[in-house]
N, C-alpha and C. Protein backbone atom coordinates (compact mmCIF):
# COMPACT_ATOMS: atom_id res chain seq x y z
N MET A 1 -84.85 37.10 100.09
CA MET A 1 -85.16 36.14 99.06
C MET A 1 -84.49 36.58 97.75
N ASP A 2 -83.75 35.68 97.11
CA ASP A 2 -83.09 35.98 95.85
C ASP A 2 -84.12 36.08 94.74
N PRO A 3 -83.89 36.97 93.79
CA PRO A 3 -84.82 37.07 92.65
C PRO A 3 -84.80 35.78 91.83
N THR A 4 -85.93 35.46 91.27
CA THR A 4 -86.05 34.27 90.43
C THR A 4 -85.43 34.56 89.07
N PRO A 5 -84.49 33.71 88.62
CA PRO A 5 -83.90 33.93 87.30
C PRO A 5 -84.95 33.78 86.20
N VAL A 6 -84.86 34.65 85.20
CA VAL A 6 -85.84 34.63 84.12
C VAL A 6 -85.80 33.30 83.38
N SER A 7 -84.61 32.78 83.14
CA SER A 7 -84.50 31.53 82.39
C SER A 7 -85.19 30.37 83.09
N ALA A 8 -85.30 30.43 84.41
CA ALA A 8 -85.91 29.33 85.16
C ALA A 8 -87.42 29.25 84.98
N ILE A 9 -88.07 30.34 84.56
CA ILE A 9 -89.54 30.32 84.47
C ILE A 9 -90.03 29.39 83.37
N LEU A 10 -89.16 29.06 82.43
CA LEU A 10 -89.55 28.15 81.36
C LEU A 10 -89.46 26.69 81.77
N HIS A 11 -88.69 26.42 82.82
CA HIS A 11 -88.36 25.04 83.13
C HIS A 11 -89.14 24.42 84.28
N ASP A 12 -89.61 25.22 85.20
CA ASP A 12 -90.41 24.60 86.26
C ASP A 12 -91.47 25.56 86.79
N ARG A 13 -92.54 24.97 87.18
CA ARG A 13 -93.74 25.70 87.60
C ARG A 13 -93.49 26.56 88.84
N GLU A 14 -92.68 26.05 89.77
CA GLU A 14 -92.41 26.81 91.00
C GLU A 14 -91.64 28.10 90.70
N SER A 15 -90.69 28.04 89.78
CA SER A 15 -89.94 29.25 89.41
C SER A 15 -90.85 30.26 88.71
N LEU A 16 -91.74 29.75 87.87
CA LEU A 16 -92.70 30.63 87.20
C LEU A 16 -93.59 31.33 88.23
N GLU A 17 -94.09 30.56 89.18
CA GLU A 17 -94.96 31.13 90.21
C GLU A 17 -94.20 32.14 91.06
N ALA A 18 -92.95 31.83 91.43
CA ALA A 18 -92.15 32.76 92.23
C ALA A 18 -91.88 34.05 91.46
N PHE A 19 -91.54 33.94 90.18
CA PHE A 19 -91.29 35.12 89.34
C PHE A 19 -92.55 35.97 89.25
N TYR A 20 -93.68 35.33 89.02
CA TYR A 20 -94.96 36.03 88.91
C TYR A 20 -95.28 36.77 90.20
N LEU A 21 -95.20 36.10 91.33
CA LEU A 21 -95.52 36.72 92.61
C LEU A 21 -94.54 37.84 92.97
N GLU A 22 -93.28 37.66 92.58
CA GLU A 22 -92.25 38.65 92.86
C GLU A 22 -92.50 39.95 92.09
N HIS A 23 -92.97 39.84 90.85
CA HIS A 23 -93.09 41.02 89.98
C HIS A 23 -94.53 41.51 89.79
N LEU A 24 -95.52 40.76 90.23
CA LEU A 24 -96.92 41.13 90.02
C LEU A 24 -97.27 42.51 90.57
N PRO A 25 -96.92 42.86 91.82
CA PRO A 25 -97.31 44.19 92.32
C PRO A 25 -96.75 45.32 91.45
N TRP A 26 -95.50 45.20 91.02
CA TRP A 26 -94.90 46.26 90.19
C TRP A 26 -95.61 46.36 88.85
N VAL A 27 -95.88 45.22 88.21
CA VAL A 27 -96.56 45.23 86.91
C VAL A 27 -97.96 45.81 87.06
N ARG A 28 -98.67 45.45 88.12
CA ARG A 28 -100.01 46.00 88.34
C ARG A 28 -99.96 47.52 88.42
N ARG A 29 -99.01 48.06 89.19
CA ARG A 29 -98.90 49.52 89.33
C ARG A 29 -98.55 50.16 87.98
N PHE A 30 -97.62 49.54 87.28
CA PHE A 30 -97.21 50.05 85.96
C PHE A 30 -98.42 50.18 85.04
N VAL A 31 -99.22 49.14 84.95
CA VAL A 31 -100.39 49.13 84.06
C VAL A 31 -101.45 50.11 84.57
N ALA A 32 -101.70 50.13 85.88
CA ALA A 32 -102.75 51.00 86.44
C ALA A 32 -102.45 52.47 86.20
N ARG A 33 -101.18 52.83 86.05
CA ARG A 33 -100.83 54.22 85.76
C ARG A 33 -101.16 54.60 84.33
N ARG A 34 -101.34 53.61 83.48
CA ARG A 34 -101.48 53.88 82.06
C ARG A 34 -102.86 53.60 81.48
N VAL A 35 -103.72 52.98 82.23
CA VAL A 35 -105.10 52.74 81.78
C VAL A 35 -106.04 53.09 82.92
N ASP A 36 -107.27 53.42 82.57
CA ASP A 36 -108.22 53.83 83.60
C ASP A 36 -109.43 52.92 83.69
N ASP A 37 -109.31 51.70 83.19
CA ASP A 37 -110.40 50.74 83.23
C ASP A 37 -109.92 49.48 83.94
N ALA A 38 -110.64 49.04 84.95
CA ALA A 38 -110.22 47.90 85.77
C ALA A 38 -110.08 46.62 84.96
N ASP A 39 -111.02 46.34 84.09
CA ASP A 39 -110.96 45.12 83.30
C ASP A 39 -109.77 45.13 82.35
N THR A 40 -109.52 46.27 81.74
CA THR A 40 -108.39 46.39 80.83
C THR A 40 -107.08 46.24 81.60
N ALA A 41 -107.00 46.84 82.78
CA ALA A 41 -105.79 46.73 83.60
C ALA A 41 -105.51 45.27 83.95
N ALA A 42 -106.52 44.53 84.31
CA ALA A 42 -106.35 43.12 84.64
C ALA A 42 -105.89 42.33 83.40
N ASP A 43 -106.50 42.60 82.27
CA ASP A 43 -106.13 41.90 81.04
C ASP A 43 -104.70 42.21 80.63
N LEU A 44 -104.32 43.48 80.69
CA LEU A 44 -102.97 43.86 80.28
C LEU A 44 -101.91 43.31 81.23
N THR A 45 -102.23 43.27 82.51
CA THR A 45 -101.29 42.68 83.47
C THR A 45 -101.03 41.22 83.11
N ALA A 46 -102.10 40.49 82.81
CA ALA A 46 -101.94 39.09 82.39
C ALA A 46 -101.16 39.01 81.08
N ASP A 47 -101.44 39.91 80.14
CA ASP A 47 -100.74 39.92 78.86
C ASP A 47 -99.24 40.15 79.02
N VAL A 48 -98.87 40.98 79.99
CA VAL A 48 -97.45 41.24 80.24
C VAL A 48 -96.74 39.94 80.62
N PHE A 49 -97.36 39.18 81.53
CA PHE A 49 -96.73 37.93 81.96
C PHE A 49 -96.75 36.87 80.87
N ILE A 50 -97.78 36.84 80.08
CA ILE A 50 -97.82 35.90 78.96
C ILE A 50 -96.72 36.23 77.97
N ALA A 51 -96.54 37.52 77.68
CA ALA A 51 -95.48 37.94 76.76
C ALA A 51 -94.10 37.64 77.36
N ALA A 52 -93.96 37.82 78.67
CA ALA A 52 -92.68 37.53 79.32
C ALA A 52 -92.34 36.05 79.22
N ILE A 53 -93.32 35.20 79.41
CA ILE A 53 -93.08 33.76 79.29
C ILE A 53 -92.67 33.43 77.86
N GLY A 54 -93.34 34.03 76.91
CA GLY A 54 -93.02 33.80 75.51
C GLY A 54 -91.64 34.30 75.11
N ALA A 55 -91.15 35.31 75.81
CA ALA A 55 -89.85 35.90 75.47
C ALA A 55 -88.72 35.42 76.37
N ALA A 56 -89.02 34.62 77.36
CA ALA A 56 -88.01 34.22 78.35
C ALA A 56 -86.83 33.49 77.73
N ASP A 57 -87.06 32.73 76.67
CA ASP A 57 -85.95 32.01 76.04
C ASP A 57 -85.00 32.95 75.31
N ARG A 58 -85.43 34.18 75.04
CA ARG A 58 -84.58 35.17 74.38
C ARG A 58 -83.97 36.18 75.36
N TYR A 59 -84.27 36.01 76.65
CA TYR A 59 -83.76 36.94 77.67
C TYR A 59 -82.24 36.87 77.73
N GLN A 60 -81.60 38.04 77.72
CA GLN A 60 -80.15 38.11 77.84
C GLN A 60 -79.82 38.87 79.11
N ASP A 61 -79.13 38.23 80.00
CA ASP A 61 -78.77 38.85 81.27
C ASP A 61 -77.67 39.87 81.03
N THR A 62 -78.04 41.15 81.03
CA THR A 62 -77.09 42.23 80.78
C THR A 62 -76.59 42.84 82.08
N GLY A 63 -76.97 42.26 83.19
CA GLY A 63 -76.58 42.80 84.49
C GLY A 63 -77.67 43.64 85.12
N ALA A 64 -78.62 44.09 84.32
CA ALA A 64 -79.75 44.86 84.86
C ALA A 64 -80.73 43.88 85.50
N ALA A 65 -81.51 44.37 86.42
CA ALA A 65 -82.50 43.52 87.08
C ALA A 65 -83.54 43.05 86.07
N PRO A 66 -84.10 41.87 86.26
CA PRO A 66 -85.15 41.39 85.35
C PRO A 66 -86.32 42.37 85.24
N ARG A 67 -86.49 43.21 86.25
CA ARG A 67 -87.57 44.19 86.21
C ARG A 67 -87.41 45.13 85.02
N ALA A 68 -86.17 45.45 84.65
CA ALA A 68 -85.94 46.32 83.49
C ALA A 68 -86.42 45.63 82.22
N TRP A 69 -86.12 44.34 82.10
CA TRP A 69 -86.58 43.55 80.96
C TRP A 69 -88.10 43.51 80.95
N LEU A 70 -88.69 43.28 82.12
CA LEU A 70 -90.14 43.22 82.24
C LEU A 70 -90.77 44.58 81.93
N ALA A 71 -90.08 45.66 82.28
CA ALA A 71 -90.59 47.01 81.97
C ALA A 71 -90.66 47.22 80.47
N GLY A 72 -89.66 46.75 79.75
CA GLY A 72 -89.70 46.86 78.29
C GLY A 72 -90.87 46.10 77.71
N ILE A 73 -91.12 44.91 78.24
CA ILE A 73 -92.26 44.11 77.77
C ILE A 73 -93.56 44.82 78.11
N ALA A 74 -93.67 45.32 79.34
CA ALA A 74 -94.90 46.00 79.77
C ALA A 74 -95.16 47.24 78.91
N ARG A 75 -94.14 48.00 78.61
CA ARG A 75 -94.31 49.19 77.76
C ARG A 75 -94.85 48.79 76.40
N ASN A 76 -94.29 47.71 75.84
CA ASN A 76 -94.76 47.24 74.54
C ASN A 76 -96.20 46.75 74.59
N VAL A 77 -96.54 46.02 75.63
CA VAL A 77 -97.91 45.50 75.76
C VAL A 77 -98.91 46.65 75.88
N VAL A 78 -98.59 47.63 76.72
CA VAL A 78 -99.50 48.76 76.92
C VAL A 78 -99.59 49.61 75.64
N ALA A 79 -98.45 49.85 74.99
CA ALA A 79 -98.46 50.63 73.74
C ALA A 79 -99.27 49.91 72.67
N MET A 80 -99.08 48.61 72.56
CA MET A 80 -99.83 47.84 71.58
C MET A 80 -101.33 47.91 71.88
N HIS A 81 -101.68 47.87 73.16
CA HIS A 81 -103.10 48.00 73.54
C HIS A 81 -103.66 49.33 73.07
N HIS A 82 -102.92 50.42 73.32
CA HIS A 82 -103.42 51.75 72.94
C HIS A 82 -103.54 51.88 71.42
N ARG A 83 -102.58 51.34 70.69
CA ARG A 83 -102.69 51.38 69.22
C ARG A 83 -103.90 50.57 68.74
N ARG A 84 -104.05 49.38 69.29
CA ARG A 84 -105.18 48.52 68.90
C ARG A 84 -106.50 49.20 69.25
N ARG A 85 -106.57 49.79 70.42
CA ARG A 85 -107.80 50.46 70.85
C ARG A 85 -108.14 51.62 69.93
N SER A 86 -107.13 52.35 69.53
CA SER A 86 -107.36 53.48 68.62
C SER A 86 -107.88 52.99 67.27
N ARG A 87 -107.27 51.92 66.74
CA ARG A 87 -107.74 51.37 65.46
C ARG A 87 -109.17 50.85 65.57
N GLU A 88 -109.45 50.14 66.65
CA GLU A 88 -110.81 49.60 66.82
C GLU A 88 -111.83 50.73 66.93
N HIS A 89 -111.47 51.75 67.66
CA HIS A 89 -112.39 52.87 67.84
C HIS A 89 -112.68 53.54 66.50
N THR A 90 -111.63 53.74 65.73
CA THR A 90 -111.79 54.37 64.42
C THR A 90 -112.60 53.49 63.48
N ALA A 91 -112.29 52.20 63.45
CA ALA A 91 -112.93 51.29 62.49
C ALA A 91 -114.32 50.85 62.92
N ASN A 92 -114.50 50.52 64.15
CA ASN A 92 -115.74 49.88 64.59
C ASN A 92 -116.46 50.58 65.74
N GLY A 93 -115.98 51.69 66.19
CA GLY A 93 -116.54 52.25 67.40
C GLY A 93 -115.93 51.51 68.57
N ARG A 94 -116.49 51.69 69.68
CA ARG A 94 -115.94 51.03 70.87
C ARG A 94 -116.46 49.61 70.98
N ILE A 95 -115.54 48.66 71.01
CA ILE A 95 -115.91 47.25 71.14
C ILE A 95 -115.63 46.82 72.57
N GLU A 96 -116.62 46.28 73.20
CA GLU A 96 -116.42 45.84 74.57
C GLU A 96 -116.23 44.32 74.60
N GLY A 97 -115.12 43.91 75.15
CA GLY A 97 -114.82 42.49 75.32
C GLY A 97 -114.05 42.33 76.60
N ARG A 98 -114.75 42.24 77.67
CA ARG A 98 -114.10 42.22 78.98
C ARG A 98 -114.22 40.84 79.62
N ALA A 99 -113.14 40.48 80.27
CA ALA A 99 -113.16 39.23 81.03
C ALA A 99 -114.06 39.41 82.24
N LEU A 100 -114.75 38.37 82.62
CA LEU A 100 -115.61 38.44 83.79
C LEU A 100 -114.78 38.30 85.05
N LEU A 101 -114.99 39.22 85.96
CA LEU A 101 -114.32 39.18 87.25
C LEU A 101 -115.37 39.16 88.34
N ASP A 102 -115.04 38.56 89.47
CA ASP A 102 -115.98 38.62 90.57
C ASP A 102 -115.96 40.04 91.13
N GLU A 103 -116.96 40.38 91.90
CA GLU A 103 -117.12 41.76 92.37
C GLU A 103 -115.93 42.21 93.22
N SER A 104 -115.40 41.31 94.04
CA SER A 104 -114.27 41.64 94.91
C SER A 104 -113.04 42.00 94.08
N SER A 105 -112.77 41.23 93.02
CA SER A 105 -111.62 41.51 92.16
C SER A 105 -111.77 42.85 91.47
N THR A 106 -112.97 43.13 90.96
CA THR A 106 -113.22 44.39 90.28
C THR A 106 -113.04 45.56 91.25
N ASP A 107 -113.58 45.43 92.47
CA ASP A 107 -113.43 46.49 93.46
C ASP A 107 -111.96 46.74 93.78
N HIS A 108 -111.18 45.66 93.89
CA HIS A 108 -109.76 45.79 94.20
C HIS A 108 -109.04 46.53 93.07
N ILE A 109 -109.35 46.21 91.84
CA ILE A 109 -108.70 46.84 90.69
C ILE A 109 -109.13 48.30 90.59
N VAL A 110 -110.40 48.59 90.83
CA VAL A 110 -110.89 49.97 90.80
C VAL A 110 -110.17 50.80 91.86
N THR A 111 -109.99 50.23 93.05
CA THR A 111 -109.27 50.92 94.12
C THR A 111 -107.84 51.21 93.69
N ARG A 112 -107.19 50.26 93.06
CA ARG A 112 -105.81 50.44 92.60
C ARG A 112 -105.75 51.54 91.54
N ILE A 113 -106.69 51.53 90.62
CA ILE A 113 -106.70 52.54 89.56
C ILE A 113 -106.93 53.92 90.16
N ASP A 114 -107.86 54.04 91.13
CA ASP A 114 -108.09 55.32 91.79
C ASP A 114 -106.83 55.79 92.52
N GLY A 115 -106.11 54.85 93.13
CA GLY A 115 -104.89 55.19 93.85
C GLY A 115 -103.79 55.70 92.94
N GLU A 116 -103.84 55.35 91.68
CA GLU A 116 -102.82 55.77 90.72
C GLU A 116 -103.26 56.98 89.90
N ARG A 117 -104.39 57.60 90.26
CA ARG A 117 -104.93 58.73 89.50
C ARG A 117 -103.93 59.90 89.43
N ALA A 118 -103.27 60.21 90.54
CA ALA A 118 -102.30 61.32 90.53
C ALA A 118 -101.15 61.02 89.57
N ALA A 119 -100.71 59.77 89.56
CA ALA A 119 -99.62 59.40 88.65
C ALA A 119 -100.06 59.56 87.20
N ARG A 120 -101.34 59.26 86.91
CA ARG A 120 -101.82 59.43 85.54
C ARG A 120 -101.83 60.91 85.15
N LEU A 121 -102.13 61.79 86.10
CA LEU A 121 -102.11 63.23 85.81
C LEU A 121 -100.69 63.70 85.48
N VAL A 122 -99.70 63.21 86.24
CA VAL A 122 -98.31 63.55 85.96
C VAL A 122 -97.92 62.98 84.59
N LEU A 123 -98.36 61.75 84.31
CA LEU A 123 -98.05 61.15 83.02
C LEU A 123 -98.62 61.96 81.86
N ALA A 124 -99.74 62.61 82.08
CA ALA A 124 -100.31 63.46 81.03
C ALA A 124 -99.35 64.60 80.70
N ARG A 125 -98.71 65.18 81.74
CA ARG A 125 -97.72 66.24 81.50
C ARG A 125 -96.47 65.66 80.85
N VAL A 126 -96.09 64.48 81.33
CA VAL A 126 -94.92 63.81 80.77
C VAL A 126 -95.15 63.47 79.30
N ALA A 127 -96.40 63.19 78.94
CA ALA A 127 -96.73 62.82 77.55
C ALA A 127 -96.41 63.95 76.57
N GLU A 128 -96.28 65.16 77.08
CA GLU A 128 -95.96 66.30 76.21
C GLU A 128 -94.47 66.40 75.90
N LEU A 129 -93.65 65.60 76.61
CA LEU A 129 -92.21 65.59 76.34
C LEU A 129 -91.93 64.89 75.01
N PRO A 130 -90.78 65.17 74.40
CA PRO A 130 -90.39 64.39 73.22
C PRO A 130 -90.31 62.90 73.60
N ALA A 131 -90.61 62.04 72.67
CA ALA A 131 -90.73 60.60 72.95
C ALA A 131 -89.48 60.02 73.61
N THR A 132 -88.31 60.43 73.19
CA THR A 132 -87.09 59.85 73.75
C THR A 132 -86.91 60.24 75.22
N GLN A 133 -87.25 61.46 75.58
CA GLN A 133 -87.17 61.90 76.97
C GLN A 133 -88.30 61.29 77.78
N ARG A 134 -89.48 61.25 77.20
CA ARG A 134 -90.66 60.73 77.90
C ARG A 134 -90.44 59.29 78.35
N ALA A 135 -89.90 58.46 77.50
CA ALA A 135 -89.72 57.05 77.84
C ALA A 135 -88.83 56.89 79.07
N VAL A 136 -87.72 57.63 79.13
CA VAL A 136 -86.81 57.52 80.27
C VAL A 136 -87.45 58.08 81.52
N VAL A 137 -88.10 59.23 81.43
CA VAL A 137 -88.73 59.86 82.59
C VAL A 137 -89.81 58.94 83.17
N GLU A 138 -90.63 58.34 82.32
CA GLU A 138 -91.66 57.42 82.81
C GLU A 138 -91.06 56.26 83.57
N LEU A 139 -90.06 55.63 82.99
CA LEU A 139 -89.49 54.45 83.62
C LEU A 139 -88.77 54.77 84.93
N VAL A 140 -88.10 55.91 85.00
CA VAL A 140 -87.33 56.26 86.20
C VAL A 140 -88.21 56.94 87.24
N ALA A 141 -88.84 58.04 86.87
CA ALA A 141 -89.56 58.85 87.86
C ALA A 141 -90.91 58.27 88.25
N VAL A 142 -91.57 57.60 87.33
CA VAL A 142 -92.91 57.09 87.61
C VAL A 142 -92.88 55.62 88.04
N ASP A 143 -92.09 54.81 87.32
CA ASP A 143 -92.11 53.38 87.56
C ASP A 143 -91.00 52.89 88.49
N GLY A 144 -90.09 53.77 88.87
CA GLY A 144 -89.11 53.43 89.89
C GLY A 144 -87.90 52.64 89.42
N LEU A 145 -87.65 52.58 88.13
CA LEU A 145 -86.46 51.90 87.65
C LEU A 145 -85.25 52.82 87.83
N SER A 146 -84.08 52.23 87.97
CA SER A 146 -82.86 53.03 87.98
C SER A 146 -82.58 53.47 86.54
N LEU A 147 -81.68 54.42 86.39
CA LEU A 147 -81.33 54.86 85.04
C LEU A 147 -80.71 53.71 84.24
N THR A 148 -79.95 52.87 84.91
CA THR A 148 -79.34 51.72 84.23
C THR A 148 -80.42 50.74 83.77
N GLU A 149 -81.41 50.49 84.62
CA GLU A 149 -82.51 49.59 84.25
C GLU A 149 -83.33 50.18 83.11
N ALA A 150 -83.59 51.49 83.19
CA ALA A 150 -84.36 52.14 82.12
C ALA A 150 -83.60 52.06 80.80
N ALA A 151 -82.29 52.26 80.86
CA ALA A 151 -81.48 52.17 79.65
C ALA A 151 -81.58 50.76 79.06
N ALA A 152 -81.51 49.75 79.92
CA ALA A 152 -81.61 48.37 79.44
C ALA A 152 -82.99 48.11 78.84
N ALA A 153 -84.04 48.63 79.47
CA ALA A 153 -85.40 48.43 78.97
C ALA A 153 -85.59 49.08 77.60
N LEU A 154 -84.91 50.19 77.38
CA LEU A 154 -85.07 50.93 76.13
C LEU A 154 -84.02 50.58 75.08
N GLY A 155 -83.02 49.80 75.48
CA GLY A 155 -81.98 49.42 74.54
C GLY A 155 -81.03 50.57 74.19
N ILE A 156 -80.76 51.44 75.18
CA ILE A 156 -79.84 52.56 74.97
C ILE A 156 -78.76 52.50 76.03
N THR A 157 -77.73 53.33 75.90
CA THR A 157 -76.66 53.35 76.90
C THR A 157 -77.13 54.08 78.15
N ALA A 158 -76.47 53.79 79.25
CA ALA A 158 -76.80 54.47 80.51
C ALA A 158 -76.54 55.97 80.40
N THR A 159 -75.49 56.35 79.70
CA THR A 159 -75.18 57.77 79.50
C THR A 159 -76.29 58.46 78.72
N ASN A 160 -76.75 57.82 77.67
CA ASN A 160 -77.84 58.37 76.87
C ASN A 160 -79.09 58.52 77.74
N ALA A 161 -79.36 57.53 78.58
CA ALA A 161 -80.53 57.60 79.47
C ALA A 161 -80.40 58.77 80.44
N ARG A 162 -79.20 58.97 80.99
CA ARG A 162 -79.00 60.09 81.93
C ARG A 162 -79.25 61.43 81.25
N VAL A 163 -78.75 61.60 80.03
CA VAL A 163 -78.95 62.85 79.30
C VAL A 163 -80.43 63.09 79.02
N ARG A 164 -81.11 62.06 78.52
CA ARG A 164 -82.54 62.20 78.23
C ARG A 164 -83.34 62.51 79.49
N TYR A 165 -82.99 61.83 80.59
CA TYR A 165 -83.69 62.05 81.85
C TYR A 165 -83.49 63.48 82.35
N HIS A 166 -82.26 63.96 82.30
CA HIS A 166 -81.97 65.33 82.74
C HIS A 166 -82.74 66.35 81.92
N ARG A 167 -82.73 66.17 80.61
CA ARG A 167 -83.44 67.11 79.73
C ARG A 167 -84.95 67.07 79.99
N GLY A 168 -85.49 65.88 80.17
CA GLY A 168 -86.92 65.75 80.45
C GLY A 168 -87.30 66.40 81.76
N ARG A 169 -86.50 66.15 82.80
CA ARG A 169 -86.79 66.77 84.11
C ARG A 169 -86.69 68.28 84.05
N THR A 170 -85.72 68.78 83.31
CA THR A 170 -85.58 70.23 83.18
C THR A 170 -86.83 70.82 82.53
N ARG A 171 -87.31 70.19 81.49
CA ARG A 171 -88.54 70.67 80.83
C ARG A 171 -89.73 70.61 81.77
N LEU A 172 -89.85 69.52 82.52
CA LEU A 172 -90.99 69.38 83.44
C LEU A 172 -90.93 70.43 84.55
N ARG A 173 -89.74 70.72 85.03
CA ARG A 173 -89.61 71.74 86.07
C ARG A 173 -90.14 73.08 85.59
N LEU A 174 -89.95 73.36 84.31
CA LEU A 174 -90.44 74.61 83.76
C LEU A 174 -91.96 74.60 83.59
N ASP A 175 -92.54 73.40 83.32
CA ASP A 175 -93.97 73.28 83.04
C ASP A 175 -94.84 73.05 84.27
N LEU A 176 -94.29 72.35 85.27
CA LEU A 176 -95.09 71.99 86.44
C LEU A 176 -94.84 72.99 87.56
N PRO A 177 -95.88 73.31 88.34
CA PRO A 177 -95.69 74.23 89.46
C PRO A 177 -94.86 73.55 90.55
N ASP A 178 -94.15 74.36 91.31
CA ASP A 178 -93.39 73.84 92.44
C ASP A 178 -94.38 73.32 93.48
N PRO A 179 -94.26 72.06 93.92
CA PRO A 179 -95.24 71.51 94.88
C PRO A 179 -95.24 72.26 96.20
N PHE A 180 -94.11 72.88 96.58
CA PHE A 180 -94.07 73.60 97.84
C PHE A 180 -94.80 74.94 97.74
N GLU A 181 -94.82 75.54 96.55
CA GLU A 181 -95.57 76.78 96.35
C GLU A 181 -97.06 76.51 96.46
N VAL A 182 -97.50 75.35 95.96
CA VAL A 182 -98.92 75.00 96.00
C VAL A 182 -99.39 74.82 97.44
N MET A 183 -98.48 74.29 98.31
CA MET A 183 -98.85 74.00 99.70
C MET A 183 -99.00 75.27 100.52
N THR A 184 -98.31 76.35 100.19
CA THR A 184 -98.34 77.56 101.02
C THR A 184 -99.54 78.40 100.74
């Protein structure tokens, strides 16, 4: 099945639905790696697609897969959520405003979040990297984008992405134990 062109999602409902179904599993995993609350994960996943629809008329086909464009949007949505959450916590304490989900949906989201727990632990180590290296490492090693797609998502050259990725991986190799040593 050919990927749905981003520009088509603005013009007909079937293209929008195809784009959504094509990218929903990836966006869900992306968000679940970055938040640990089922309701928030569901809300942010919806926010990513709402933002994508709003930005579709500005999409420029640079040759990278639309997933790279969507990754940039998802990063912004999740980052904005964390900034907003921090401000709300500081100003008002914790404010709860969760969408109501049926029990089956909540259980499914909780299962997904639990399944991504190991990735969140790795992301905690990755969070200690300098921001420029961290962004590339997250998109490539955690979210499965190619270096070219990550470069497009971040608005940098592919060469710059390769350098940042190499430096980040080198730092992580020094900080993280060898997985084969742990097994023995």
